[in-house]
Amino acid sequence: MRATRTALGRVGVWSRELRFNADRGAARDAAAELEALGYGALWIPDVGGDVLGAVGEMLDATSSIAVATGILNIWMHDAEAIASGLAALPGGERFLLGLGASHAAVVDAYAKPLTAMREYLEALDAAGLPASDRILAALGPKMLDLSRDRAGGAHPYLVDVAHTAAARERLGADKLLAPELSVAFSDDLDAARAAAHAHVADYLALPNYANNFRRLGYGDEDFAGGGSDRMVDALVAYGDEARIAARVAEHLAAGADHVCVQVVGQTDEALAREQWRRLAPALTSL
């Protein structure tokens, strides 16, 4: 699959639960329903294990929707093995490889993520995987430049609309920009905002995200108490269908080609099927 707006559509679903829900039959059924609801892509994360097996499961459960990794952890998979596995993946023409350098808190061997990503891309080049078939989890300017020069585009995670606008300017007009947008979906605005705060708080201790938040203009006062209202309101869309659709539209207007929404606040890897259903009419019509 070439990393294009046409391939992914304008709105997709980013979901831990599609990969890690213990009821694999339910996960497959949910993937098929998301396709029927009109979403353009399914995004699944990676913390090791058989990620291509998980991709194959999503491809097998569907017939037309794109499937992407958001992201494949480069420290946990050999590049040549990934390239070989992709070549043998049934339905792989619908797959987009999202790559990321993860975090020191997750990976014992973590060091110089930009260098590690360059080396990983070189290995994929040598294995014959086209640059257009991969995108990079990019927050800072140097990784965005690598996304522009050595990949088909970028997949920023937990960013505000200002980041999307800056990323588009840095990538240029021709590269895919597909930010993740966390959404706390509820008719109870106070409950939704509380869920948004809880979600952002988990990321404040991770240097990659903290550094990016500071680049975006958030200071010490925004990090206190699990994240200021100003920061959380910018990073997470919360509330009902109209509020969430409005934020997705803002990212699209700022230069995103595709926005993948992650419903947050789920427990025990529960599939957010009711939320996905209710959001579909507002999001797939954008």
Protein backbone atom coordinates (compact mmCIF):
# COMPACT_ATOMS: atom_id res chain seq x y z
CA MET A 1 0.00 0.00 0.00
CA ARG A 2 1.24 3.47 -0.80
CA ALA A 3 0.89 5.89 2.09
CA THR A 4 -1.83 8.02 0.55
CA ARG A 5 -4.97 9.81 1.65
CA THR A 6 -6.97 7.73 -0.83
CA ALA A 7 -5.74 4.48 0.72
CA LEU A 8 -6.59 5.44 4.31
CA GLY A 9 -9.59 7.70 3.95
CA ARG A 10 -9.98 10.73 6.22
CA VAL A 11 -10.81 9.06 9.54
CA GLY A 12 -9.74 5.76 11.07
CA VAL A 13 -9.73 4.01 14.45
CA TRP A 14 -6.65 3.54 16.62
CA SER A 15 -7.24 0.76 19.13
CA ARG A 16 -5.19 -1.24 21.64
CA GLU A 17 -8.23 -3.38 22.17
CA LEU A 18 -8.35 -4.69 18.60
CA ARG A 19 -4.98 -6.28 19.27
CA PHE A 20 -5.07 -7.15 22.97
CA ASN A 21 -8.70 -7.97 23.80
CA ALA A 22 -8.66 -11.58 25.00
CA ASP A 23 -11.72 -12.55 22.95
CA ARG A 24 -10.16 -12.71 19.51
CA GLY A 25 -13.46 -13.60 17.87
CA ALA A 26 -14.97 -10.40 19.26
CA ALA A 27 -11.97 -8.39 18.07
CA ARG A 28 -12.30 -9.79 14.57
CA ASP A 29 -16.03 -9.09 14.55
CA ALA A 30 -15.37 -5.53 15.73
CA ALA A 31 -12.86 -5.01 12.91
CA ALA A 32 -15.44 -6.12 10.36
CA GLU A 33 -18.03 -3.81 11.90
CA LEU A 34 -15.66 -0.83 11.81
CA GLU A 35 -15.19 -1.48 8.11
CA ALA A 36 -18.97 -1.62 7.61
CA LEU A 37 -19.40 1.63 9.58
CA GLY A 38 -17.24 3.43 7.01
CA TYR A 39 -13.99 4.06 8.86
CA GLY A 40 -11.01 4.14 6.53
CA ALA A 41 -8.31 2.38 8.53
CA LEU A 42 -7.61 0.28 11.61
CA TRP A 43 -4.49 1.14 13.63
CA ILE A 44 -3.03 -1.29 16.16
CA PRO A 45 -0.09 -0.78 18.54
CA ASP A 46 2.92 -2.96 19.30
CA VAL A 47 4.80 -3.86 22.46
CA GLY A 48 6.43 -6.97 21.05
CA GLY A 49 5.04 -10.36 20.18
CA ASP A 50 3.64 -11.46 16.84
CA VAL A 51 2.67 -8.07 15.45
CA LEU A 52 2.42 -9.29 11.87
CA GLY A 53 0.19 -12.11 13.06
CA ALA A 54 -2.08 -9.49 14.59
CA VAL A 55 -2.02 -7.50 11.35
CA GLY A 56 -2.89 -10.64 9.40
CA GLU A 57 -5.80 -11.31 11.72
CA MET A 58 -7.24 -7.83 11.06
CA LEU A 59 -6.72 -8.19 7.32
CA ASP A 60 -8.39 -11.59 7.32
CA ALA A 61 -11.39 -10.25 9.25
CA THR A 62 -11.97 -7.47 6.71
CA SER A 63 -12.03 -7.05 2.95
CA SER A 64 -11.32 -3.42 2.04
CA ILE A 65 -10.31 -1.31 5.05
CA ALA A 66 -6.65 -0.38 5.47
CA VAL A 67 -4.70 -1.79 8.42
CA ALA A 68 -1.71 0.03 9.92
CA THR A 69 0.66 -0.36 12.83
CA GLY A 70 0.64 2.59 15.15
CA ILE A 71 3.41 1.74 15.72
CA LEU A 72 5.69 -1.25 15.17
CA ASN A 73 8.41 -0.97 17.82
CA ILE A 74 11.76 -1.01 15.98
CA TRP A 75 13.63 -2.32 19.04
CA MET A 76 11.47 -5.44 19.22
CA HIS A 77 11.54 -6.69 15.62
CA ASP A 78 14.32 -7.44 13.17
CA ALA A 79 13.95 -5.28 10.05
CA GLU A 80 14.77 -8.08 7.61
CA ALA A 81 12.27 -10.40 9.30
CA ILE A 82 9.59 -7.72 9.10
CA ALA A 83 10.26 -7.09 5.40
CA SER A 84 10.13 -10.81 4.69
CA GLY A 85 6.95 -11.23 6.70
CA LEU A 86 5.25 -8.36 4.90
CA ALA A 87 6.07 -9.86 1.52
CA ALA A 88 4.27 -13.05 2.54
CA LEU A 89 1.31 -11.33 4.25
CA PRO A 90 -2.04 -12.18 2.61
CA GLY A 91 -3.91 -8.99 1.90
CA GLY A 92 -0.73 -7.01 2.50
CA GLU A 93 -1.63 -4.51 -0.23
CA ARG A 94 -3.99 -2.99 2.36
CA PHE A 95 -1.28 -2.67 5.01
CA LEU A 96 0.73 0.41 5.99
CA LEU A 97 3.80 -0.01 8.17
CA GLY A 98 3.98 2.58 10.93
CA LEU A 99 7.34 2.54 12.72
CA GLY A 100 8.36 4.06 16.02
CA ALA A 101 11.32 4.24 18.40
CA SER A 102 9.22 3.83 21.56
CA HIS A 103 10.58 4.95 24.95
CA ALA A 104 13.48 4.25 27.29
CA ALA A 105 10.98 3.20 29.97
CA VAL A 106 9.77 0.40 27.69
CA VAL A 107 12.97 -0.75 25.95
CA ASP A 108 16.10 -1.77 27.89
CA ALA A 109 18.38 -1.27 24.87
CA TYR A 110 17.02 2.19 24.10
CA ALA A 111 19.64 4.65 22.79
CA LYS A 112 19.78 7.43 20.18
CA PRO A 113 16.33 6.88 18.68
CA LEU A 114 16.97 8.98 15.58
CA THR A 115 20.11 6.98 14.76
CA ALA A 116 18.31 3.72 15.44
CA MET A 117 15.47 4.71 13.13
CA ARG A 118 17.87 5.66 10.33
CA GLU A 119 19.58 2.29 10.64
CA TYR A 120 16.25 0.46 10.65
CA LEU A 121 15.16 2.28 7.51
CA GLU A 122 18.44 1.41 5.83
CA ALA A 123 17.84 -2.26 6.63
CA LEU A 124 14.32 -2.04 5.18
CA ASP A 125 15.75 -0.37 2.08
CA ALA A 126 18.22 -3.21 1.68
CA ALA A 127 15.38 -5.71 2.05
CA GLY A 128 13.46 -4.00 -0.76
CA LEU A 129 10.62 -2.36 1.19
CA PRO A 130 9.67 0.91 -0.58
CA ALA A 131 9.93 4.10 1.44
CA SER A 132 6.39 5.00 0.37
CA ASP A 133 5.04 1.96 2.23
CA ARG A 134 6.11 3.14 5.68
CA ILE A 135 5.49 6.11 7.94
CA LEU A 136 7.19 7.17 11.15
CA ALA A 137 5.96 8.12 14.60
CA ALA A 138 7.35 11.65 14.56
CA LEU A 139 7.02 14.42 17.11
CA GLY A 140 10.16 16.54 16.92
CA PRO A 141 11.59 18.31 13.87
CA LYS A 142 14.40 15.83 13.20
CA MET A 143 12.10 12.80 13.12
CA LEU A 144 9.64 14.75 10.98
CA ASP A 145 12.47 15.48 8.56
CA LEU A 146 13.29 11.77 8.45
CA SER A 147 9.61 11.05 7.79
CA ARG A 148 9.76 13.44 4.85
CA ASP A 149 13.07 12.24 3.42
CA ARG A 150 13.04 8.50 4.10
CA ALA A 151 9.39 7.51 4.45
CA GLY A 152 5.92 8.13 3.11
CA GLY A 153 4.98 10.48 5.93
CA ALA A 154 4.36 10.78 9.66
CA HIS A 155 2.05 9.42 12.36
CA PRO A 156 2.28 11.78 15.37
CA TYR A 157 0.65 10.61 18.60
CA LEU A 158 -1.02 12.75 21.27
CA VAL A 159 -0.55 16.12 19.59
CA ASP A 160 -2.59 19.30 19.32
CA VAL A 161 -3.80 21.08 16.20
CA ALA A 162 -0.81 23.44 16.28
CA HIS A 163 1.51 20.45 15.98
CA THR A 164 -0.45 19.16 13.00
CA ALA A 165 -0.09 22.52 11.25
CA ALA A 166 3.66 22.66 11.98
CA ALA A 167 4.14 19.05 10.89
CA ARG A 168 2.38 19.69 7.58
CA GLU A 169 4.65 22.65 6.91
CA ARG A 170 7.74 20.59 7.68
CA LEU A 171 6.65 17.53 5.69
CA GLY A 172 5.56 19.46 2.62
CA ALA A 173 2.40 18.92 0.64
CA ASP A 174 3.06 15.45 -0.75
CA LYS A 175 3.70 13.36 2.36
CA LEU A 176 1.02 11.61 4.40
CA LEU A 177 0.22 13.17 7.78
CA ALA A 178 -1.91 10.89 9.97
CA PRO A 179 -2.06 12.07 13.59
CA GLU A 180 -3.65 10.04 16.35
CA LEU A 181 -6.38 11.89 18.26
CA SER A 182 -7.35 10.62 21.70
CA VAL A 183 -11.06 11.05 22.39
CA ALA A 184 -12.96 10.78 25.66
CA PHE A 185 -16.48 10.19 24.43
CA SER A 186 -19.36 10.83 26.80
CA ASP A 187 -22.55 12.85 26.98
CA ASP A 188 -21.41 13.81 30.49
CA LEU A 189 -18.90 16.58 29.82
CA ASP A 190 -17.39 16.50 33.31
CA ALA A 191 -16.83 12.74 33.12
CA ALA A 192 -15.33 13.07 29.66
CA ARG A 193 -12.91 15.76 30.80
CA ALA A 194 -11.87 13.66 33.80
CA ALA A 195 -11.12 10.74 31.48
CA ALA A 196 -9.10 13.06 29.25
CA HIS A 197 -7.03 14.20 32.22
CA ALA A 198 -6.37 10.62 33.33
CA HIS A 199 -5.21 9.71 29.83
CA VAL A 200 -2.76 12.60 29.46
CA ALA A 201 -1.33 12.09 32.95
CA ASP A 202 0.04 8.70 31.90
CA TYR A 203 2.27 10.35 29.28
CA LEU A 204 3.75 13.26 31.23
CA ALA A 205 6.60 11.18 32.63
CA LEU A 206 7.71 9.94 29.21
CA PRO A 207 10.50 12.25 27.94
CA ASN A 208 9.55 12.02 24.25
CA TYR A 209 6.08 13.34 24.95
CA ALA A 210 7.10 15.77 27.68
CA ASN A 211 9.71 17.33 25.40
CA ASN A 212 7.18 17.66 22.61
CA PHE A 213 4.64 19.29 24.92
CA ARG A 214 7.29 21.86 25.85
CA ARG A 215 8.05 22.48 22.18
CA LEU A 216 4.35 23.19 21.75
CA GLY A 217 4.54 25.89 24.41
CA TYR A 218 3.42 24.10 27.56
CA GLY A 219 5.43 24.95 30.68
CA ASP A 220 5.95 23.65 34.20
CA GLU A 221 2.55 24.90 35.29
CA ASP A 222 0.94 22.69 32.63
CA PHE A 223 2.65 19.56 33.96
CA ALA A 224 1.51 20.01 37.55
CA GLY A 225 -1.30 17.91 38.93
CA GLY A 226 -1.42 15.48 36.03
CA GLY A 227 -1.75 18.15 33.36
CA SER A 228 -3.42 21.53 33.16
CA ASP A 229 -6.87 22.06 31.69
CA ARG A 230 -5.22 24.08 28.91
CA MET A 231 -2.97 21.18 27.91
CA VAL A 232 -5.57 18.45 28.23
CA ASP A 233 -8.20 20.45 26.34
CA ALA A 234 -5.77 20.87 23.42
CA LEU A 235 -4.50 17.29 23.30
CA VAL A 236 -7.72 15.32 23.79
CA ALA A 237 -11.13 15.74 22.20
CA TYR A 238 -13.83 15.07 24.76
CA GLY A 239 -17.59 15.22 24.97
CA ASP A 240 -20.26 14.22 22.49
CA GLU A 241 -20.18 13.41 18.78
CA ALA A 242 -20.33 17.04 17.66
CA ARG A 243 -17.43 18.16 19.86
CA ILE A 244 -15.22 15.27 18.78
CA ALA A 245 -16.07 15.68 15.09
CA ALA A 246 -15.24 19.38 15.35
CA ARG A 247 -11.75 18.60 16.68
CA VAL A 248 -11.12 16.02 13.96
CA ALA A 249 -12.16 18.65 11.43
CA GLU A 250 -9.67 21.10 12.95
CA HIS A 251 -6.82 18.63 12.44
CA LEU A 252 -7.92 18.02 8.85
CA ALA A 253 -8.09 21.76 8.21
CA ALA A 254 -4.61 22.18 9.72
CA GLY A 255 -3.12 19.77 7.20
CA ALA A 256 -3.82 16.22 8.34
CA ASP A 257 -4.70 13.81 5.54
CA HIS A 258 -6.10 11.23 7.93
CA VAL A 259 -6.97 11.31 11.64
CA CYS A 260 -7.11 8.08 13.62
CA VAL A 261 -9.27 8.41 16.72
CA GLN A 262 -8.52 6.47 19.89
CA VAL A 263 -11.39 6.13 22.34
CA VAL A 264 -9.76 6.33 25.79
CA GLY A 265 -11.02 5.35 29.21
CA GLN A 266 -11.59 1.69 28.38
CA THR A 267 -10.71 -0.86 31.08
CA ASP A 268 -9.49 -4.45 30.70
CA GLU A 269 -8.93 -3.93 26.96
CA ALA A 270 -12.69 -3.66 26.42
CA LEU A 271 -13.72 -2.98 22.84
CA ALA A 272 -15.30 0.47 22.47
CA ARG A 273 -17.96 -0.78 20.09
CA GLU A 274 -20.83 1.42 21.24
CA GLN A 275 -18.66 4.54 21.08
CA TRP A 276 -17.36 3.63 17.61
CA ARG A 277 -20.92 3.10 16.40
CA ARG A 278 -22.18 6.40 17.75
CA LEU A 279 -19.21 8.35 16.43
CA ALA A 280 -19.29 6.84 12.94
CA PRO A 281 -21.97 9.05 11.33
CA ALA A 282 -20.30 12.27 12.52
CA LEU A 283 -16.74 11.21 11.66
CA THR A 284 -17.12 9.30 8.42
CA SER A 285 -19.00 12.19 6.82
CA LEU A 286 -16.10 14.63 7.27
